[in-house]
Amino acid sequence: MKKTLALLLLGTVILFVSNSCNKTCKCQGWLNGEKTDETYVIELRKSEAKSCDEKSTVREVNGKKTGIECR
């Protein structure tokens, strides 16, 4: 009984901690197929996008990447 209660408590704590953390994404700008500036990090908040891909705006223009790519 004590082990079950301890596991339940541990699971609750892990769930709380994992849900309270915001996810971060590494992003890189692209212009005419070439990287711009350095890679930067953005934080995804719960009210925003659910994945880094949703923050990406990269499109191919004349076969070259243009926009922001986040992973």
PDB file of N, CA and C in Angstrom:
ATOM      1  N   MET A   1       0.822  -1.189   0.000  1.00  0.00           N
ATOM      2  CA  MET A   1       0.000   0.000   0.000  1.00  0.00           C
ATOM      3  C   MET A   1       0.866   1.252   0.000  1.00  0.00           C
ATOM      4  N   LYS A   2       1.938   1.250   0.815  1.00  0.00           N
ATOM      5  CA  LYS A   2       2.820   2.409   0.881  1.00  0.00           C
ATOM      6  C   LYS A   2       3.529   2.635  -0.457  1.00  0.00           C
ATOM      7  N   LYS A   3       3.918   1.528  -1.113  1.00  0.00           N
ATOM      8  CA  LYS A   3       4.595   1.646  -2.413  1.00  0.00           C
ATOM      9  C   LYS A   3       3.660   2.245  -3.454  1.00  0.00           C
ATOM     10  N   THR A   4       2.409   1.821  -3.445  1.00  0.00           N
ATOM     11  CA  THR A   4       1.430   2.337  -4.389  1.00  0.00           C
ATOM     12  C   THR A   4       1.205   3.829  -4.168  1.00  0.00           C
ATOM     13  N   LEU A   5       1.071   4.234  -2.938  1.00  0.00           N
ATOM     14  CA  LEU A   5       0.875   5.640  -2.606  1.00  0.00           C
ATOM     15  C   LEU A   5       2.098   6.467  -3.003  1.00  0.00           C
ATOM     16  N   ALA A   6       3.287   5.925  -2.746  1.00  0.00           N
ATOM     17  CA  ALA A   6       4.523   6.623  -3.099  1.00  0.00           C
ATOM     18  C   ALA A   6       4.638   6.781  -4.618  1.00  0.00           C
ATOM     19  N   LEU A   7       4.310   5.738  -5.377  1.00  0.00           N
ATOM     20  CA  LEU A   7       4.359   5.808  -6.840  1.00  0.00           C
ATOM     21  C   LEU A   7       3.333   6.799  -7.382  1.00  0.00           C
ATOM     22  N   LEU A   8       2.159   6.824  -6.791  1.00  0.00           N
ATOM     23  CA  LEU A   8       1.122   7.765  -7.207  1.00  0.00           C
ATOM     24  C   LEU A   8       1.572   9.201  -6.957  1.00  0.00           C
ATOM     25  N   LEU A   9       2.163   9.441  -5.811  1.00  0.00           N
ATOM     26  CA  LEU A   9       2.665  10.773  -5.467  1.00  0.00           C
ATOM     27  C   LEU A   9       3.795  11.179  -6.414  1.00  0.00           C
ATOM     28  N   LEU A  10       4.711  10.267  -6.677  1.00  0.00           N
ATOM     29  CA  LEU A  10       5.817  10.538  -7.587  1.00  0.00           C
ATOM     30  C   LEU A  10       5.305  10.850  -8.992  1.00  0.00           C
ATOM     31  N   GLY A  11       4.350  10.077  -9.462  1.00  0.00           N
ATOM     32  CA  GLY A  11       3.761  10.318 -10.780  1.00  0.00           C
ATOM     33  C   GLY A  11       3.088  11.678 -10.866  1.00  0.00           C
ATOM     34  N   THR A  12       2.397  12.072  -9.817  1.00  0.00           N
ATOM     35  CA  THR A  12       1.742  13.378  -9.780  1.00  0.00           C
ATOM     36  C   THR A  12       2.771  14.498  -9.834  1.00  0.00           C
ATOM     37  N   VAL A  13       3.852  14.359  -9.085  1.00  0.00           N
ATOM     38  CA  VAL A  13       4.910  15.377  -9.084  1.00  0.00           C
ATOM     39  C   VAL A  13       5.552  15.482 -10.461  1.00  0.00           C
ATOM     40  N   ILE A  14       5.857  14.369 -11.081  1.00  0.00           N
ATOM     41  CA  ILE A  14       6.461  14.377 -12.419  1.00  0.00           C
ATOM     42  C   ILE A  14       5.520  15.017 -13.431  1.00  0.00           C
ATOM     43  N   LEU A  15       4.258  14.701 -13.373  1.00  0.00           N
ATOM     44  CA  LEU A  15       3.277  15.289 -14.277  1.00  0.00           C
ATOM     45  C   LEU A  15       3.186  16.794 -14.086  1.00  0.00           C
ATOM     46  N   PHE A  16       3.171  17.246 -12.850  1.00  0.00           N
ATOM     47  CA  PHE A  16       3.097  18.674 -12.555  1.00  0.00           C
ATOM     48  C   PHE A  16       4.328  19.407 -13.083  1.00  0.00           C
ATOM     49  N   VAL A  17       5.508  18.858 -12.840  1.00  0.00           N
ATOM     50  CA  VAL A  17       6.755  19.500 -13.269  1.00  0.00           C
ATOM     51  C   VAL A  17       6.843  19.541 -14.797  1.00  0.00           C
ATOM     52  N   SER A  18       6.486  18.468 -15.466  1.00  0.00           N
ATOM     53  CA  SER A  18       6.593  18.441 -16.927  1.00  0.00           C
ATOM     54  C   SER A  18       5.579  19.374 -17.587  1.00  0.00           C
ATOM     55  N   ASN A  19       4.427  19.570 -16.996  1.00  0.00           N
ATOM     56  CA  ASN A  19       3.428  20.468 -17.567  1.00  0.00           C
ATOM     57  C   ASN A  19       3.723  21.932 -17.280  1.00  0.00           C
ATOM     58  N   SER A  20       4.509  22.222 -16.268  1.00  0.00           N
ATOM     59  CA  SER A  20       4.792  23.606 -15.922  1.00  0.00           C
ATOM     60  C   SER A  20       5.972  24.172 -16.701  1.00  0.00           C
ATOM     61  N   CYS A  21       6.744  23.330 -17.353  1.00  0.00           N
ATOM     62  CA  CYS A  21       7.906  23.784 -18.112  1.00  0.00           C
ATOM     63  C   CYS A  21       7.496  24.193 -19.519  1.00  0.00           C
ATOM     64  N   ASN A  22       8.092  25.279 -20.005  1.00  0.00           N
ATOM     65  CA  ASN A  22       7.863  25.700 -21.372  1.00  0.00           C
ATOM     66  C   ASN A  22       8.920  25.086 -22.275  1.00  0.00           C
ATOM     67  N   LYS A  23       8.526  24.705 -23.463  1.00  0.00           N
ATOM     68  CA  LYS A  23       9.429  24.105 -24.422  1.00  0.00           C
ATOM     69  C   LYS A  23      10.196  25.210 -25.147  1.00  0.00           C
ATOM     70  N   THR A  24      11.446  24.932 -25.507  1.00  0.00           N
ATOM     71  CA  THR A  24      12.233  25.895 -26.264  1.00  0.00           C
ATOM     72  C   THR A  24      12.537  25.338 -27.647  1.00  0.00           C
ATOM     73  N   CYS A  25      12.697  26.244 -28.590  1.00  0.00           N
ATOM     74  CA  CYS A  25      13.018  25.880 -29.974  1.00  0.00           C
ATOM     75  C   CYS A  25      14.249  26.646 -30.423  1.00  0.00           C
ATOM     76  N   LYS A  26      15.081  26.014 -31.221  1.00  0.00           N
ATOM     77  CA  LYS A  26      16.216  26.691 -31.835  1.00  0.00           C
ATOM     78  C   LYS A  26      15.796  27.104 -33.240  1.00  0.00           C
ATOM     79  N   CYS A  27      15.968  28.380 -33.556  1.00  0.00           N
ATOM     80  CA  CYS A  27      15.531  28.906 -34.847  1.00  0.00           C
ATOM     81  C   CYS A  27      16.692  29.503 -35.623  1.00  0.00           C
ATOM     82  N   GLN A  28      16.588  29.433 -36.940  1.00  0.00           N
ATOM     83  CA  GLN A  28      17.604  29.940 -37.853  1.00  0.00           C
ATOM     84  C   GLN A  28      16.917  30.662 -39.000  1.00  0.00           C
ATOM     85  N   GLY A  29      17.381  31.839 -39.324  1.00  0.00           N
ATOM     86  CA  GLY A  29      16.834  32.575 -40.453  1.00  0.00           C
ATOM     87  C   GLY A  29      17.487  32.149 -41.760  1.00  0.00           C
ATOM     88  N   TRP A  30      16.703  32.178 -42.844  1.00  0.00           N
ATOM     89  CA  TRP A  30      17.197  31.849 -44.185  1.00  0.00           C
ATOM     90  C   TRP A  30      16.757  32.938 -45.157  1.00  0.00           C
ATOM     91  N   LEU A  31      17.642  33.328 -46.065  1.00  0.00           N
ATOM     92  CA  LEU A  31      17.317  34.289 -47.105  1.00  0.00           C
ATOM     93  C   LEU A  31      18.028  33.882 -48.381  1.00  0.00           C
ATOM     94  N   ASN A  32      17.259  33.609 -49.411  1.00  0.00           N
ATOM     95  CA  ASN A  32      17.808  33.169 -50.702  1.00  0.00           C
ATOM     96  C   ASN A  32      18.742  31.964 -50.566  1.00  0.00           C
ATOM     97  N   GLY A  33      18.373  31.013 -49.693  1.00  0.00           N
ATOM     98  CA  GLY A  33      19.132  29.778 -49.540  1.00  0.00           C
ATOM     99  C   GLY A  33      20.343  29.883 -48.641  1.00  0.00           C
ATOM    100  N   GLU A  34      20.578  31.051 -48.031  1.00  0.00           N
ATOM    101  CA  GLU A  34      21.732  31.218 -47.149  1.00  0.00           C
ATOM    102  C   GLU A  34      21.275  31.558 -45.739  1.00  0.00           C
ATOM    103  N   LYS A  35      21.997  31.023 -44.746  1.00  0.00           N
ATOM    104  CA  LYS A  35      21.667  31.290 -43.344  1.00  0.00           C
ATOM    105  C   LYS A  35      21.947  32.754 -43.019  1.00  0.00           C
ATOM    106  N   THR A  36      21.067  33.342 -42.200  1.00  0.00           N
ATOM    107  CA  THR A  36      21.275  34.710 -41.750  1.00  0.00           C
ATOM    108  C   THR A  36      21.566  34.713 -40.267  1.00  0.00           C
ATOM    109  N   ASP A  37      22.475  35.537 -39.834  1.00  0.00           N
ATOM    110  CA  ASP A  37      22.821  35.687 -38.423  1.00  0.00           C
ATOM    111  C   ASP A  37      23.083  34.347 -37.745  1.00  0.00           C
ATOM    112  N   GLU A  38      23.004  34.353 -36.434  1.00  0.00           N
ATOM    113  CA  GLU A  38      23.238  33.141 -35.655  1.00  0.00           C
ATOM    114  C   GLU A  38      21.922  32.479 -35.277  1.00  0.00           C
ATOM    115  N   THR A  39      22.025  31.238 -34.821  1.00  0.00           N
ATOM    116  CA  THR A  39      20.861  30.520 -34.321  1.00  0.00           C
ATOM    117  C   THR A  39      20.404  31.176 -33.018  1.00  0.00           C
ATOM    118  N   TYR A  40      19.104  31.275 -32.825  1.00  0.00           N
ATOM    119  CA  TYR A  40      18.579  31.832 -31.580  1.00  0.00           C
ATOM    120  C   TYR A  40      17.507  30.911 -31.020  1.00  0.00           C
ATOM    121  N   VAL A  41      17.196  31.097 -29.738  1.00  0.00           N
ATOM    122  CA  VAL A  41      16.258  30.225 -29.032  1.00  0.00           C
ATOM    123  C   VAL A  41      15.002  31.024 -28.702  1.00  0.00           C
ATOM    124  N   ILE A  42      13.829  30.398 -28.944  1.00  0.00           N
ATOM    125  CA  ILE A  42      12.562  30.997 -28.538  1.00  0.00           C
ATOM    126  C   ILE A  42      11.863  30.026 -27.598  1.00  0.00           C
ATOM    127  N   GLU A  43      11.006  30.546 -26.770  1.00  0.00           N
ATOM    128  CA  GLU A  43      10.272  29.729 -25.807  1.00  0.00           C
ATOM    129  C   GLU A  43       8.823  29.605 -26.262  1.00  0.00           C
ATOM    130  N   LEU A  44       8.325  28.382 -26.304  1.00  0.00           N
ATOM    131  CA  LEU A  44       6.924  28.144 -26.646  1.00  0.00           C
ATOM    132  C   LEU A  44       6.108  28.166 -25.365  1.00  0.00           C
ATOM    133  N   ARG A  45       5.119  29.004 -25.314  1.00  0.00           N
ATOM    134  CA  ARG A  45       4.228  29.043 -24.164  1.00  0.00           C
ATOM    135  C   ARG A  45       3.006  28.200 -24.471  1.00  0.00           C
ATOM    136  N   LYS A  46       2.333  27.751 -23.431  1.00  0.00           N
ATOM    137  CA  LYS A  46       1.177  26.874 -23.611  1.00  0.00           C
ATOM    138  C   LYS A  46       0.095  27.504 -24.471  1.00  0.00           C
ATOM    139  N   SER A  47      -0.048  28.823 -24.415  1.00  0.00           N
ATOM    140  CA  SER A  47      -1.096  29.506 -25.171  1.00  0.00           C
ATOM    141  C   SER A  47      -0.715  29.696 -26.633  1.00  0.00           C
ATOM    142  N   GLU A  48       0.539  29.408 -26.979  1.00  0.00           N
ATOM    143  CA  GLU A  48       1.018  29.587 -28.343  1.00  0.00           C
ATOM    144  C   GLU A  48       1.050  28.246 -29.080  1.00  0.00           C
ATOM    145  N   ALA A  49       1.920  28.186 -30.045  1.00  0.00           N
ATOM    146  CA  ALA A  49       2.072  26.979 -30.857  1.00  0.00           C
ATOM    147  C   ALA A  49       2.449  25.777 -29.992  1.00  0.00           C
ATOM    148  N   LYS A  50       2.076  24.588 -30.432  1.00  0.00           N
ATOM    149  CA  LYS A  50       2.357  23.370 -29.680  1.00  0.00           C
ATOM    150  C   LYS A  50       3.668  22.716 -30.098  1.00  0.00           C
ATOM    151  N   SER A  51       4.221  23.118 -31.233  1.00  0.00           N
ATOM    152  CA  SER A  51       5.478  22.538 -31.678  1.00  0.00           C
ATOM    153  C   SER A  51       6.341  23.597 -32.353  1.00  0.00           C
ATOM    154  N   CYS A  52       7.614  23.294 -32.452  1.00  0.00           N
ATOM    155  CA  CYS A  52       8.543  24.226 -33.092  1.00  0.00           C
ATOM    156  C   CYS A  52       8.218  24.389 -34.585  1.00  0.00           C
ATOM    157  N   ASP A  53       7.742  23.315 -35.213  1.00  0.00           N
ATOM    158  CA  ASP A  53       7.393  23.392 -36.636  1.00  0.00           C
ATOM    159  C   ASP A  53       6.318  24.445 -36.911  1.00  0.00           C
ATOM    160  N   GLU A  54       5.420  24.663 -35.953  1.00  0.00           N
ATOM    161  CA  GLU A  54       4.368  25.662 -36.129  1.00  0.00           C
ATOM    162  C   GLU A  54       4.930  27.083 -36.134  1.00  0.00           C
ATOM    163  N   LYS A  55       6.117  27.281 -35.567  1.00  0.00           N
ATOM    164  CA  LYS A  55       6.774  28.595 -35.560  1.00  0.00           C
ATOM    165  C   LYS A  55       7.596  28.830 -36.829  1.00  0.00           C
ATOM    166  N   SER A  56       7.877  27.768 -37.585  1.00  0.00           N
ATOM    167  CA  SER A  56       8.673  27.896 -38.803  1.00  0.00           C
ATOM    168  C   SER A  56       7.875  28.572 -39.913  1.00  0.00           C
ATOM    169  N   THR A  57       8.577  29.421 -40.670  1.00  0.00           N
ATOM    170  CA  THR A  57       7.946  30.114 -41.794  1.00  0.00           C
ATOM    171  C   THR A  57       8.709  29.878 -43.089  1.00  0.00           C
ATOM    172  N   VAL A  58       9.581  28.879 -43.123  1.00  0.00           N
ATOM    173  CA  VAL A  58      10.433  28.636 -44.296  1.00  0.00           C
ATOM    174  C   VAL A  58       9.601  28.205 -45.499  1.00  0.00           C
ATOM    175  N   ARG A  59       9.892  28.841 -46.616  1.00  0.00           N
ATOM    176  CA  ARG A  59       9.290  28.496 -47.898  1.00  0.00           C
ATOM    177  C   ARG A  59      10.408  28.432 -48.922  1.00  0.00           C
ATOM    178  N   GLU A  60      10.185  27.688 -49.987  1.00  0.00           N
ATOM    179  CA  GLU A  60      11.160  27.665 -51.066  1.00  0.00           C
ATOM    180  C   GLU A  60      10.738  28.661 -52.124  1.00  0.00           C
ATOM    181  N   VAL A  61      11.634  29.583 -52.424  1.00  0.00           N
ATOM    182  CA  VAL A  61      11.403  30.584 -53.461  1.00  0.00           C
ATOM    183  C   VAL A  61      12.507  30.397 -54.490  1.00  0.00           C
ATOM    184  N   ASN A  62      12.109  30.046 -55.704  1.00  0.00           N
ATOM    185  CA  ASN A  62      13.076  29.741 -56.771  1.00  0.00           C
ATOM    186  C   ASN A  62      14.067  28.665 -56.342  1.00  0.00           C
ATOM    187  N   GLY A  63      13.583  27.681 -55.572  1.00  0.00           N
ATOM    188  CA  GLY A  63      14.412  26.556 -55.144  1.00  0.00           C
ATOM    189  C   GLY A  63      15.343  26.861 -53.990  1.00  0.00           C
ATOM    190  N   LYS A  64      15.170  28.044 -53.338  1.00  0.00           N
ATOM    191  CA  LYS A  64      16.034  28.427 -52.228  1.00  0.00           C
ATOM    192  C   LYS A  64      15.195  28.727 -50.991  1.00  0.00           C
ATOM    193  N   LYS A  65      15.697  28.297 -49.815  1.00  0.00           N
ATOM    194  CA  LYS A  65      14.982  28.531 -48.554  1.00  0.00           C
ATOM    195  C   LYS A  65      14.942  30.015 -48.230  1.00  0.00           C
ATOM    196  N   THR A  66      13.754  30.451 -47.764  1.00  0.00           N
ATOM    197  CA  THR A  66      13.582  31.811 -47.271  1.00  0.00           C
ATOM    198  C   THR A  66      12.613  31.761 -46.095  1.00  0.00           C
ATOM    199  N   GLY A  67      12.948  32.417 -44.981  1.00  0.00           N
ATOM    200  CA  GLY A  67      12.088  32.448 -43.810  1.00  0.00           C
ATOM    201  C   GLY A  67      12.820  32.037 -42.549  1.00  0.00           C
ATOM    202  N   ILE A  68      12.065  31.597 -41.550  1.00  0.00           N
ATOM    203  CA  ILE A  68      12.638  31.166 -40.274  1.00  0.00           C
ATOM    204  C   ILE A  68      12.337  29.686 -40.082  1.00  0.00           C
ATOM    205  N   GLU A  69      13.370  28.925 -39.759  1.00  0.00           N
ATOM    206  CA  GLU A  69      13.242  27.483 -39.534  1.00  0.00           C
ATOM    207  C   GLU A  69      13.484  27.199 -38.063  1.00  0.00           C
ATOM    208  N   CYS A  70      12.501  26.606 -37.387  1.00  0.00           N
ATOM    209  CA  CYS A  70      12.622  26.292 -35.964  1.00  0.00           C
ATOM    210  C   CYS A  70      12.538  24.785 -35.741  1.00  0.00           C
ATOM    211  N   ARG A  71      13.361  24.296 -34.827  1.00  0.00           N
ATOM    212  CA  ARG A  71      13.373  22.870 -34.469  1.00  0.00           C
ATOM    213  C   ARG A  71      13.471  22.723 -32.973  1.00  0.00           C
TER     214      ARG A  71
END
